[in-house]
Amino acid sequence: MLELLQSHHRLTGADLGARLGVDERTVRRYAGTLADLGIPVVAARGRYGGYRLAPRYRLPPLMLTDDEAAAVVLGLVAADRIGLGTEAPATASALAKIRRVLPAALAERLAGVQESLGFTTRARPATARPATGTLLTLGAASRDRSRVSLSYRSWRGEVSLRELDPYGLVFHAGRWYVTGHDHRRAEVRTFRLDRISSVEVLPTGFTVPAGFDPVGHVTRSLAAVPYRWEVEVLLETDPAQARRRIPATVAELTESADGVLMRTRAQDLTGMAQLLAGLGWPFTILRPEELRTAVTGYAARFAGYAEARPAGGA
């Protein structure tokens, strides 16, 4: 909105709404936000009314130290790499704007870092990213403890209207989620932001339950997606080592008197046997019994590999 107001003498609320893809109520909220930031937005009613910046107002130039510029550029590059963004392709344009206002020597040095930088992790695909408006609206509603109404598409393609008390936003494994009390189901649920087609803030407030952890709830709810096997294994290690080696996305870890209890789900027990072998710790299988067979078979295959000899060798 600020860019539009800088490039146009005056725009009506309808004009701004059409260009930004929001309603006029949201435009009024944006104008209030700009005013809170100290940017003088003048709103006039009537036939020739609309929004404009105060005469002769210009944004001050962006001033960044070398450290700050490096932090911003690397942050944008890394965020784009892991999918921490919205559906709007804004990273490239944001980087271009920053480079334009940096001293030439610093811009060249940062470009050298960006062009020579390699990652050990694969880039997240540009799919499954939420609309910017959806992310910003839910973030504000979560902060302000305001209930929202949203249109949601399930994984089956079914569309439903929900009223949600958004307890928090979570970015997990390349996707954005919102978790909170779903009044349609009368329970705490988790929703993917890229499946939300519209969201509106309602005048009703709410209170987050004491001690509620949005990150923990999202990882547990995703781990609870039905799989073929329920797995419980007692690992002979300490909790700190277990958490370093086993992400929350893979299993739930609980400290016990005999070590660490690992609870998870699996479609393929051979893959679970490989995981246990790779950890390198002694373990006791609690369930399922079929996992014992999978581990035994995996161990036998490894023993066979140890016995193998090169063709023609002694």
C-alpha atoms as a PDB file:
ATOM      1  CA  MET A   1       0.000   0.000   0.000  1.00  0.00           C
ATOM      2  CA  LEU A   2       2.853   2.359   0.819  1.00  0.00           C
ATOM      3  CA  GLU A   3       4.446   1.775  -2.596  1.00  0.00           C
ATOM      4  CA  LEU A   4       1.108   2.504  -4.318  1.00  0.00           C
ATOM      5  CA  LEU A   5       0.632   5.719  -2.357  1.00  0.00           C
ATOM      6  CA  GLN A   6       4.176   6.829  -3.174  1.00  0.00           C
ATOM      7  CA  SER A   7       3.601   6.340  -6.904  1.00  0.00           C
ATOM      8  CA  HIS A   8       0.056   7.846  -7.077  1.00  0.00           C
ATOM      9  CA  HIS A   9      -1.178  11.240  -5.913  1.00  0.00           C
ATOM     10  CA  ARG A  10      -4.414   9.761  -4.544  1.00  0.00           C
ATOM     11  CA  LEU A  11      -6.189   6.414  -4.587  1.00  0.00           C
ATOM     12  CA  THR A  12      -9.665   5.537  -3.370  1.00  0.00           C
ATOM     13  CA  GLY A  13     -10.260   2.710  -0.946  1.00  0.00           C
ATOM     14  CA  ALA A  14     -11.812   0.700  -3.776  1.00  0.00           C
ATOM     15  CA  ASP A  15      -8.756   1.302  -5.998  1.00  0.00           C
ATOM     16  CA  LEU A  16      -6.361   0.197  -3.267  1.00  0.00           C
ATOM     17  CA  GLY A  17      -8.499  -2.815  -2.402  1.00  0.00           C
ATOM     18  CA  ALA A  18      -8.583  -3.947  -6.035  1.00  0.00           C
ATOM     19  CA  ARG A  19      -4.812  -3.530  -6.470  1.00  0.00           C
ATOM     20  CA  LEU A  20      -3.997  -5.245  -3.173  1.00  0.00           C
ATOM     21  CA  GLY A  21      -6.628  -7.970  -3.441  1.00  0.00           C
ATOM     22  CA  VAL A  22      -8.316  -7.060  -0.138  1.00  0.00           C
ATOM     23  CA  ASP A  23     -11.566  -5.407   0.966  1.00  0.00           C
ATOM     24  CA  GLU A  24     -11.904  -1.736   1.964  1.00  0.00           C
ATOM     25  CA  ARG A  25     -12.069  -2.642   5.642  1.00  0.00           C
ATOM     26  CA  THR A  26      -8.596  -4.147   5.339  1.00  0.00           C
ATOM     27  CA  VAL A  27      -7.399  -1.031   3.476  1.00  0.00           C
ATOM     28  CA  ARG A  28      -8.534   1.085   6.437  1.00  0.00           C
ATOM     29  CA  ARG A  29      -6.622  -1.213   8.776  1.00  0.00           C
ATOM     30  CA  TYR A  30      -3.493  -0.899   6.602  1.00  0.00           C
ATOM     31  CA  ALA A  31      -3.822   2.896   6.705  1.00  0.00           C
ATOM     32  CA  GLY A  32      -4.003   2.771  10.499  1.00  0.00           C
ATOM     33  CA  THR A  33      -0.910   0.543  10.634  1.00  0.00           C
ATOM     34  CA  LEU A  34       1.058   2.987   8.461  1.00  0.00           C
ATOM     35  CA  ALA A  35      -0.033   5.849  10.704  1.00  0.00           C
ATOM     36  CA  ASP A  36       1.126   3.875  13.769  1.00  0.00           C
ATOM     37  CA  LEU A  37       4.538   3.549  12.082  1.00  0.00           C
ATOM     38  CA  GLY A  38       4.765   7.321  11.755  1.00  0.00           C
ATOM     39  CA  ILE A  39       3.925   7.456   8.043  1.00  0.00           C
ATOM     40  CA  PRO A  40       1.388  10.271   7.497  1.00  0.00           C
ATOM     41  CA  VAL A  41      -1.478   8.764   5.484  1.00  0.00           C
ATOM     42  CA  VAL A  42      -4.232  11.299   4.840  1.00  0.00           C
ATOM     43  CA  ALA A  43      -7.756   9.911   4.375  1.00  0.00           C
ATOM     44  CA  ALA A  44     -10.522  12.088   2.931  1.00  0.00           C
ATOM     45  CA  ARG A  45     -14.219  11.262   2.552  1.00  0.00           C
ATOM     46  CA  GLY A  46     -16.584  12.327  -0.175  1.00  0.00           C
ATOM     47  CA  ARG A  47     -16.745  12.173  -3.963  1.00  0.00           C
ATOM     48  CA  TYR A  48     -13.097  13.147  -4.361  1.00  0.00           C
ATOM     49  CA  GLY A  49     -11.922  11.368  -1.247  1.00  0.00           C
ATOM     50  CA  GLY A  50      -9.396   8.614  -0.903  1.00  0.00           C
ATOM     51  CA  TYR A  51      -5.967   8.004   0.542  1.00  0.00           C
ATOM     52  CA  ARG A  52      -2.730   9.894  -0.058  1.00  0.00           C
ATOM     53  CA  LEU A  53       0.557  10.600   1.665  1.00  0.00           C
ATOM     54  CA  ALA A  54       1.051  13.970   3.313  1.00  0.00           C
ATOM     55  CA  PRO A  55       2.581  16.506   0.876  1.00  0.00           C
ATOM     56  CA  ARG A  56       6.370  16.322   0.464  1.00  0.00           C
ATOM     57  CA  TYR A  57       6.627  13.138   2.544  1.00  0.00           C
ATOM     58  CA  ARG A  58       9.341  10.735   1.465  1.00  0.00           C
ATOM     59  CA  LEU A  59      10.655   7.651   3.170  1.00  0.00           C
ATOM     60  CA  PRO A  60      14.139   8.149   4.661  1.00  0.00           C
ATOM     61  CA  PRO A  61      16.907   6.202   2.902  1.00  0.00           C
ATOM     62  CA  LEU A  62      17.614   2.703   4.180  1.00  0.00           C
ATOM     63  CA  MET A  63      20.786   2.771   6.251  1.00  0.00           C
ATOM     64  CA  LEU A  64      22.398  -0.573   7.102  1.00  0.00           C
ATOM     65  CA  THR A  65      25.786  -1.472   8.502  1.00  0.00           C
ATOM     66  CA  ASP A  66      27.788  -4.235   6.792  1.00  0.00           C
ATOM     67  CA  ASP A  67      26.701  -6.715   9.469  1.00  0.00           C
ATOM     68  CA  GLU A  68      23.030  -5.707   9.177  1.00  0.00           C
ATOM     69  CA  ALA A  69      23.082  -5.903   5.369  1.00  0.00           C
ATOM     70  CA  ALA A  70      24.669  -9.371   5.484  1.00  0.00           C
ATOM     71  CA  ALA A  71      22.057 -10.518   8.021  1.00  0.00           C
ATOM     72  CA  VAL A  72      19.171  -9.287   5.842  1.00  0.00           C
ATOM     73  CA  VAL A  73      20.490 -10.745   2.574  1.00  0.00           C
ATOM     74  CA  LEU A  74      21.437 -14.115   4.070  1.00  0.00           C
ATOM     75  CA  GLY A  75      18.126 -14.244   5.923  1.00  0.00           C
ATOM     76  CA  LEU A  76      16.172 -13.723   2.700  1.00  0.00           C
ATOM     77  CA  VAL A  77      18.224 -16.329   0.827  1.00  0.00           C
ATOM     78  CA  ALA A  78      17.900 -18.914   3.610  1.00  0.00           C
ATOM     79  CA  ALA A  79      14.178 -18.272   4.072  1.00  0.00           C
ATOM     80  CA  ASP A  80      13.560 -18.793   0.379  1.00  0.00           C
ATOM     81  CA  ARG A  81      15.622 -21.989   0.473  1.00  0.00           C
ATOM     82  CA  ILE A  82      13.608 -23.619   3.275  1.00  0.00           C
ATOM     83  CA  GLY A  83      10.246 -22.365   2.041  1.00  0.00           C
ATOM     84  CA  LEU A  84       9.785 -19.795   4.806  1.00  0.00           C
ATOM     85  CA  GLY A  85       7.773 -17.428   2.648  1.00  0.00           C
ATOM     86  CA  THR A  86       4.423 -16.872   1.007  1.00  0.00           C
ATOM     87  CA  GLU A  87       3.073 -17.546  -2.462  1.00  0.00           C
ATOM     88  CA  ALA A  88       4.110 -14.101  -3.691  1.00  0.00           C
ATOM     89  CA  PRO A  89       7.596 -14.315  -5.305  1.00  0.00           C
ATOM     90  CA  ALA A  90       8.966 -11.444  -3.211  1.00  0.00           C
ATOM     91  CA  THR A  91      12.481 -12.610  -2.337  1.00  0.00           C
ATOM     92  CA  ALA A  92      14.107 -11.636  -5.634  1.00  0.00           C
ATOM     93  CA  SER A  93      12.473  -8.196  -5.699  1.00  0.00           C
ATOM     94  CA  ALA A  94      13.349  -7.546  -2.045  1.00  0.00           C
ATOM     95  CA  LEU A  95      16.996  -8.478  -2.669  1.00  0.00           C
ATOM     96  CA  ALA A  96      17.090  -6.230  -5.737  1.00  0.00           C
ATOM     97  CA  LYS A  97      15.758  -3.278  -3.713  1.00  0.00           C
ATOM     98  CA  ILE A  98      18.287  -3.819  -0.946  1.00  0.00           C
ATOM     99  CA  ARG A  99      21.156  -4.010  -3.444  1.00  0.00           C
ATOM    100  CA  ARG A 100      20.058  -0.730  -5.016  1.00  0.00           C
ATOM    101  CA  VAL A 101      20.371   1.188  -1.742  1.00  0.00           C
ATOM    102  CA  LEU A 102      23.642  -0.374  -0.563  1.00  0.00           C
ATOM    103  CA  PRO A 103      27.057   1.089  -1.322  1.00  0.00           C
ATOM    104  CA  ALA A 104      28.400  -0.465  -4.540  1.00  0.00           C
ATOM    105  CA  ALA A 105      31.371  -2.157  -2.863  1.00  0.00           C
ATOM    106  CA  LEU A 106      29.212  -3.803  -0.187  1.00  0.00           C
ATOM    107  CA  ALA A 107      26.577  -4.840  -2.723  1.00  0.00           C
ATOM    108  CA  GLU A 108      29.277  -6.535  -4.815  1.00  0.00           C
ATOM    109  CA  ARG A 109      30.700  -8.409  -1.817  1.00  0.00           C
ATOM    110  CA  LEU A 110      27.257  -9.654  -0.790  1.00  0.00           C
ATOM    111  CA  ALA A 111      26.509 -10.689  -4.373  1.00  0.00           C
ATOM    112  CA  GLY A 112      29.727 -12.727  -4.312  1.00  0.00           C
ATOM    113  CA  VAL A 113      28.576 -14.544  -1.178  1.00  0.00           C
ATOM    114  CA  GLN A 114      25.124 -15.181  -2.611  1.00  0.00           C
ATOM    115  CA  GLU A 115      26.414 -16.478  -5.944  1.00  0.00           C
ATOM    116  CA  SER A 116      29.015 -18.801  -4.400  1.00  0.00           C
ATOM    117  CA  LEU A 117      26.861 -20.061  -1.521  1.00  0.00           C
ATOM    118  CA  GLY A 118      25.982 -23.759  -1.519  1.00  0.00           C
ATOM    119  CA  PHE A 119      23.584 -25.674   0.735  1.00  0.00           C
ATOM    120  CA  THR A 120      23.735 -29.210   2.094  1.00  0.00           C
ATOM    121  CA  THR A 121      19.925 -29.314   2.265  1.00  0.00           C
ATOM    122  CA  ARG A 122      17.690 -29.533  -0.775  1.00  0.00           C
ATOM    123  CA  ALA A 123      15.618 -26.495  -1.662  1.00  0.00           C
ATOM    124  CA  ARG A 124      11.958 -26.663  -0.733  1.00  0.00           C
ATOM    125  CA  PRO A 125       9.616 -26.534  -3.735  1.00  0.00           C
ATOM    126  CA  ALA A 126       7.718 -23.299  -4.265  1.00  0.00           C
ATOM    127  CA  THR A 127       4.409 -25.122  -3.813  1.00  0.00           C
ATOM    128  CA  ALA A 128       2.225 -25.222  -0.704  1.00  0.00           C
ATOM    129  CA  ARG A 129       2.942 -21.634   0.324  1.00  0.00           C
ATOM    130  CA  PRO A 130       0.200 -19.464   1.844  1.00  0.00           C
ATOM    131  CA  ALA A 131      -1.109 -16.140   0.625  1.00  0.00           C
ATOM    132  CA  THR A 132       0.657 -13.199   2.246  1.00  0.00           C
ATOM    133  CA  GLY A 133      -2.647 -11.734   3.421  1.00  0.00           C
ATOM    134  CA  THR A 134      -3.604 -15.017   5.080  1.00  0.00           C
ATOM    135  CA  LEU A 135      -0.311 -15.186   6.980  1.00  0.00           C
ATOM    136  CA  LEU A 136      -0.424 -11.543   8.108  1.00  0.00           C
ATOM    137  CA  THR A 137      -4.085 -11.676   9.153  1.00  0.00           C
ATOM    138  CA  LEU A 138      -3.628 -14.847  11.189  1.00  0.00           C
ATOM    139  CA  GLY A 139      -0.458 -13.485  12.778  1.00  0.00           C
ATOM    140  CA  ALA A 140      -2.252 -10.327  13.899  1.00  0.00           C
ATOM    141  CA  ALA A 141      -5.300 -12.282  15.104  1.00  0.00           C
ATOM    142  CA  SER A 142      -3.105 -14.659  17.105  1.00  0.00           C
ATOM    143  CA  ARG A 143      -1.244 -11.753  18.723  1.00  0.00           C
ATOM    144  CA  ASP A 144      -4.445  -9.821  19.459  1.00  0.00           C
ATOM    145  CA  ARG A 145      -6.358 -12.939  20.618  1.00  0.00           C
ATOM    146  CA  SER A 146      -9.127 -12.389  18.047  1.00  0.00           C
ATOM    147  CA  ARG A 147     -11.286 -15.196  16.660  1.00  0.00           C
ATOM    148  CA  VAL A 148     -11.257 -15.650  12.880  1.00  0.00           C
ATOM    149  CA  SER A 149     -13.572 -17.106  10.274  1.00  0.00           C
ATOM    150  CA  LEU A 150     -11.804 -19.026   7.540  1.00  0.00           C
ATOM    151  CA  SER A 151     -12.614 -21.037   4.439  1.00  0.00           C
ATOM    152  CA  TYR A 152     -10.600 -24.264   4.483  1.00  0.00           C
ATOM    153  CA  ARG A 153      -9.990 -26.988   1.901  1.00  0.00           C
ATOM    154  CA  SER A 154      -9.205 -30.428   3.303  1.00  0.00           C
ATOM    155  CA  TRP A 155      -6.747 -32.889   1.748  1.00  0.00           C
ATOM    156  CA  ARG A 156      -9.782 -34.544   0.114  1.00  0.00           C
ATOM    157  CA  GLY A 157     -10.692 -31.252  -1.577  1.00  0.00           C
ATOM    158  CA  GLU A 158     -13.744 -30.608   0.624  1.00  0.00           C
ATOM    159  CA  VAL A 159     -14.315 -26.933   1.487  1.00  0.00           C
ATOM    160  CA  SER A 160     -15.721 -25.905   4.871  1.00  0.00           C
ATOM    161  CA  LEU A 161     -16.217 -22.685   6.840  1.00  0.00           C
ATOM    162  CA  ARG A 162     -14.524 -22.679  10.260  1.00  0.00           C
ATOM    163  CA  GLU A 163     -14.420 -20.360  13.252  1.00  0.00           C
ATOM    164  CA  LEU A 164     -11.019 -20.618  14.911  1.00  0.00           C
ATOM    165  CA  ASP A 165      -9.304 -19.176  17.966  1.00  0.00           C
ATOM    166  CA  PRO A 166      -5.740 -19.018  16.561  1.00  0.00           C
ATOM    167  CA  TYR A 167      -3.345 -19.895  19.383  1.00  0.00           C
ATOM    168  CA  GLY A 168      -0.218 -19.619  17.242  1.00  0.00           C
ATOM    169  CA  LEU A 169       1.528 -19.990  13.878  1.00  0.00           C
ATOM    170  CA  VAL A 170       4.086 -22.729  13.278  1.00  0.00           C
ATOM    171  CA  PHE A 171       6.492 -23.281  10.375  1.00  0.00           C
ATOM    172  CA  HIS A 172       7.321 -26.986  10.145  1.00  0.00           C
ATOM    173  CA  ALA A 173       9.015 -29.074   7.449  1.00  0.00           C
ATOM    174  CA  GLY A 174       8.506 -26.466   4.724  1.00  0.00           C
ATOM    175  CA  ARG A 175       4.864 -25.655   5.503  1.00  0.00           C
ATOM    176  CA  TRP A 176       2.964 -23.058   7.525  1.00  0.00           C
ATOM    177  CA  TYR A 177       0.348 -24.164  10.073  1.00  0.00           C
ATOM    178  CA  VAL A 178      -2.067 -22.443  12.433  1.00  0.00           C
ATOM    179  CA  THR A 179      -3.274 -24.249  15.523  1.00  0.00           C
ATOM    180  CA  GLY A 180      -6.118 -23.317  17.834  1.00  0.00           C
ATOM    181  CA  HIS A 181      -9.613 -24.106  19.033  1.00  0.00           C
ATOM    182  CA  ASP A 182     -11.874 -25.087  16.134  1.00  0.00           C
ATOM    183  CA  HIS A 183     -15.446 -24.240  17.156  1.00  0.00           C
ATOM    184  CA  ARG A 184     -16.928 -26.516  14.516  1.00  0.00           C
ATOM    185  CA  ARG A 185     -15.240 -29.593  16.024  1.00  0.00           C
ATOM    186  CA  ALA A 186     -15.067 -28.169  19.580  1.00  0.00           C
ATOM    187  CA  GLU A 187     -11.415 -29.193  19.913  1.00  0.00           C
ATOM    188  CA  VAL A 188      -7.905 -27.941  19.208  1.00  0.00           C
ATOM    189  CA  ARG A 189      -7.054 -28.551  15.552  1.00  0.00           C
ATOM    190  CA  THR A 190      -4.192 -27.791  13.153  1.00  0.00           C
ATOM    191  CA  PHE A 191      -4.713 -26.267   9.685  1.00  0.00           C
ATOM    192  CA  ARG A 192      -2.316 -25.749   6.777  1.00  0.00           C
ATOM    193  CA  LEU A 193      -2.221 -22.110   5.708  1.00  0.00           C
ATOM    194  CA  ASP A 194      -1.881 -22.900   1.999  1.00  0.00           C
ATOM    195  CA  ARG A 195      -5.313 -24.586   2.165  1.00  0.00           C
ATOM    196  CA  ILE A 196      -6.986 -21.468   3.567  1.00  0.00           C
ATOM    197  CA  SER A 197      -8.648 -19.510   0.752  1.00  0.00           C
ATOM    198  CA  SER A 198     -10.009 -16.642   2.866  1.00  0.00           C
ATOM    199  CA  VAL A 199      -9.800 -15.425   6.451  1.00  0.00           C
ATOM    200  CA  GLU A 200     -11.662 -12.675   8.291  1.00  0.00           C
ATOM    201  CA  VAL A 201     -11.084 -11.347  11.798  1.00  0.00           C
ATOM    202  CA  LEU A 202     -14.190 -11.507  14.033  1.00  0.00           C
ATOM    203  CA  PRO A 203     -15.005  -9.166  16.939  1.00  0.00           C
ATOM    204  CA  THR A 204     -14.898 -12.047  19.459  1.00  0.00           C
ATOM    205  CA  GLY A 205     -11.846 -12.499  21.665  1.00  0.00           C
ATOM    206  CA  PHE A 206     -10.436 -15.622  23.317  1.00  0.00           C
ATOM    207  CA  THR A 207      -7.912 -16.792  25.904  1.00  0.00           C
ATOM    208  CA  VAL A 208      -5.114 -19.251  25.178  1.00  0.00           C
ATOM    209  CA  PRO A 209      -5.050 -22.169  27.670  1.00  0.00           C
ATOM    210  CA  ALA A 210      -2.253 -21.824  30.220  1.00  0.00           C
ATOM    211  CA  GLY A 211       0.921 -23.586  29.140  1.00  0.00           C
ATOM    212  CA  PHE A 212      -0.268 -24.314  25.602  1.00  0.00           C
ATOM    213  CA  ASP A 213       2.686 -24.960  23.252  1.00  0.00           C
ATOM    214  CA  PRO A 214       1.765 -24.404  19.557  1.00  0.00           C
ATOM    215  CA  VAL A 215       4.983 -26.003  18.242  1.00  0.00           C
ATOM    216  CA  GLY A 216       4.597 -29.080  20.429  1.00  0.00           C
ATOM    217  CA  HIS A 217       0.937 -29.472  19.514  1.00  0.00           C
ATOM    218  CA  VAL A 218       1.577 -29.206  15.774  1.00  0.00           C
ATOM    219  CA  THR A 219       4.439 -31.727  15.788  1.00  0.00           C
ATOM    220  CA  ARG A 220       2.421 -34.159  17.922  1.00  0.00           C
ATOM    221  CA  SER A 221      -0.693 -33.829  15.769  1.00  0.00           C
ATOM    222  CA  LEU A 222       1.293 -34.428  12.584  1.00  0.00           C
ATOM    223  CA  ALA A 223       3.059 -37.387  14.169  1.00  0.00           C
ATOM    224  CA  ALA A 224      -0.388 -38.785  15.022  1.00  0.00           C
ATOM    225  CA  VAL A 225      -1.381 -39.144  11.356  1.00  0.00           C
ATOM    226  CA  PRO A 226      -2.462 -42.791  10.957  1.00  0.00           C
ATOM    227  CA  TYR A 227       0.252 -45.252   9.885  1.00  0.00           C
ATOM    228  CA  ARG A 228       0.308 -49.006   9.683  1.00  0.00           C
ATOM    229  CA  TRP A 229       2.528 -49.646  12.733  1.00  0.00           C
ATOM    230  CA  GLU A 230       2.592 -48.174  16.238  1.00  0.00           C
ATOM    231  CA  VAL A 231       6.221 -48.363  17.414  1.00  0.00           C
ATOM    232  CA  GLU A 232       7.627 -48.139  20.935  1.00  0.00           C
ATOM    233  CA  VAL A 233      11.337 -48.699  21.582  1.00  0.00           C
ATOM    234  CA  LEU A 234      13.364 -48.083  24.745  1.00  0.00           C
ATOM    235  CA  LEU A 235      16.700 -46.480  23.820  1.00  0.00           C
ATOM    236  CA  GLU A 236      19.690 -46.787  26.147  1.00  0.00           C
ATOM    237  CA  THR A 237      20.875 -43.190  25.917  1.00  0.00           C
ATOM    238  CA  ASP A 238      20.224 -39.856  27.606  1.00  0.00           C
ATOM    239  CA  PRO A 239      17.478 -37.407  26.544  1.00  0.00           C
ATOM    240  CA  ALA A 240      19.892 -34.726  25.288  1.00  0.00           C
ATOM    241  CA  GLN A 241      21.638 -37.124  22.895  1.00  0.00           C
ATOM    242  CA  ALA A 242      18.324 -38.584  21.751  1.00  0.00           C
ATOM    243  CA  ARG A 243      16.887 -35.160  20.912  1.00  0.00           C
ATOM    244  CA  ARG A 244      20.005 -34.233  18.950  1.00  0.00           C
ATOM    245  CA  ARG A 245      19.742 -37.352  16.804  1.00  0.00           C
ATOM    246  CA  ILE A 246      15.966 -37.818  16.521  1.00  0.00           C
ATOM    247  CA  PRO A 247      13.909 -34.802  15.355  1.00  0.00           C
ATOM    248  CA  ALA A 248      10.475 -34.127  16.837  1.00  0.00           C
ATOM    249  CA  THR A 249       9.079 -34.751  13.352  1.00  0.00           C
ATOM    250  CA  VAL A 250      10.230 -38.380  13.543  1.00  0.00           C
ATOM    251  CA  ALA A 251       9.243 -39.500  17.025  1.00  0.00           C
ATOM    252  CA  GLU A 252       8.035 -38.452  20.459  1.00  0.00           C
ATOM    253  CA  LEU A 253      10.743 -38.889  23.112  1.00  0.00           C
ATOM    254  CA  THR A 254      10.060 -39.385  26.838  1.00  0.00           C
ATOM    255  CA  GLU A 255      12.661 -39.771  29.557  1.00  0.00           C
ATOM    256  CA  SER A 256      12.337 -42.939  31.660  1.00  0.00           C
ATOM    257  CA  ALA A 257      14.277 -44.653  34.433  1.00  0.00           C
ATOM    258  CA  ASP A 258      15.899 -47.014  31.895  1.00  0.00           C
ATOM    259  CA  GLY A 259      16.711 -44.520  29.154  1.00  0.00           C
ATOM    260  CA  VAL A 260      14.521 -42.768  26.589  1.00  0.00           C
ATOM    261  CA  LEU A 261      11.182 -44.108  25.390  1.00  0.00           C
ATOM    262  CA  MET A 262      10.723 -43.463  21.662  1.00  0.00           C
ATOM    263  CA  ARG A 263       7.154 -43.536  20.340  1.00  0.00           C
ATOM    264  CA  THR A 264       6.480 -43.183  16.630  1.00  0.00           C
ATOM    265  CA  ARG A 265       4.517 -44.594  13.686  1.00  0.00           C
ATOM    266  CA  ALA A 266       5.768 -46.276  10.564  1.00  0.00           C
ATOM    267  CA  GLN A 267       4.487 -47.641   7.286  1.00  0.00           C
ATOM    268  CA  ASP A 268       7.582 -49.805   6.724  1.00  0.00           C
ATOM    269  CA  LEU A 269       9.302 -51.652   9.570  1.00  0.00           C
ATOM    270  CA  THR A 270      12.438 -52.209   7.484  1.00  0.00           C
ATOM    271  CA  GLY A 271      12.965 -48.457   7.473  1.00  0.00           C
ATOM    272  CA  MET A 272      12.481 -48.422  11.256  1.00  0.00           C
ATOM    273  CA  ALA A 273      15.117 -51.172  11.606  1.00  0.00           C
ATOM    274  CA  GLN A 274      17.509 -49.047   9.534  1.00  0.00           C
ATOM    275  CA  LEU A 275      16.823 -46.057  11.783  1.00  0.00           C
ATOM    276  CA  LEU A 276      17.573 -48.037  14.942  1.00  0.00           C
ATOM    277  CA  ALA A 277      20.757 -49.477  13.438  1.00  0.00           C
ATOM    278  CA  GLY A 278      21.937 -46.027  12.410  1.00  0.00           C
ATOM    279  CA  LEU A 279      21.494 -44.627  15.926  1.00  0.00           C
ATOM    280  CA  GLY A 280      24.068 -47.090  17.265  1.00  0.00           C
ATOM    281  CA  TRP A 281      22.580 -47.334  20.784  1.00  0.00           C
ATOM    282  CA  PRO A 282      21.415 -50.500  22.532  1.00  0.00           C
ATOM    283  CA  PHE A 283      17.634 -50.726  22.493  1.00  0.00           C
ATOM    284  CA  THR A 284      14.690 -52.846  23.604  1.00  0.00           C
ATOM    285  CA  ILE A 285      11.683 -53.301  21.316  1.00  0.00           C
ATOM    286  CA  LEU A 286       8.407 -52.912  23.205  1.00  0.00           C
ATOM    287  CA  ARG A 287       6.076 -53.109  20.210  1.00  0.00           C
ATOM    288  CA  PRO A 288       5.214 -54.303  17.664  1.00  0.00           C
ATOM    289  CA  GLU A 289       6.507 -57.857  17.689  1.00  0.00           C
ATOM    290  CA  GLU A 290       6.907 -57.666  13.928  1.00  0.00           C
ATOM    291  CA  LEU A 291       9.687 -55.116  14.414  1.00  0.00           C
ATOM    292  CA  ARG A 292      11.850 -57.858  15.963  1.00  0.00           C
ATOM    293  CA  THR A 293      11.577 -59.829  12.714  1.00  0.00           C
ATOM    294  CA  ALA A 294      12.456 -56.748  10.671  1.00  0.00           C
ATOM    295  CA  VAL A 295      15.532 -56.007  12.822  1.00  0.00           C
ATOM    296  CA  THR A 296      16.651 -59.650  12.684  1.00  0.00           C
ATOM    297  CA  GLY A 297      16.318 -59.688   8.901  1.00  0.00           C
ATOM    298  CA  TYR A 298      18.202 -56.417   8.565  1.00  0.00           C
ATOM    299  CA  ALA A 299      21.000 -57.738  10.810  1.00  0.00           C
ATOM    300  CA  ALA A 300      21.242 -60.929   8.748  1.00  0.00           C
ATOM    301  CA  ARG A 301      21.597 -58.942   5.532  1.00  0.00           C
ATOM    302  CA  PHE A 302      24.415 -56.919   7.109  1.00  0.00           C
ATOM    303  CA  ALA A 303      26.125 -60.087   8.291  1.00  0.00           C
ATOM    304  CA  GLY A 304      25.926 -61.351   4.705  1.00  0.00           C
ATOM    305  CA  TYR A 305      27.555 -58.181   3.456  1.00  0.00           C
ATOM    306  CA  ALA A 306      30.414 -58.733   5.920  1.00  0.00           C
ATOM    307  CA  GLU A 307      30.987 -62.243   4.527  1.00  0.00           C
ATOM    308  CA  ALA A 308      30.999 -61.143   0.897  1.00  0.00           C
ATOM    309  CA  ARG A 309      34.325 -61.365  -0.944  1.00  0.00           C
ATOM    310  CA  PRO A 310      35.479 -59.542  -4.081  1.00  0.00           C
ATOM    311  CA  ALA A 311      35.122 -61.605  -7.234  1.00  0.00           C
ATOM    312  CA  GLY A 312      38.336 -63.591  -7.751  1.00  0.00           C
ATOM    313  CA  GLY A 313      39.662 -62.673  -4.283  1.00  0.00           C
ATOM    314  CA  ALA A 314      41.224 -65.048  -1.740  1.00  0.00           C
END
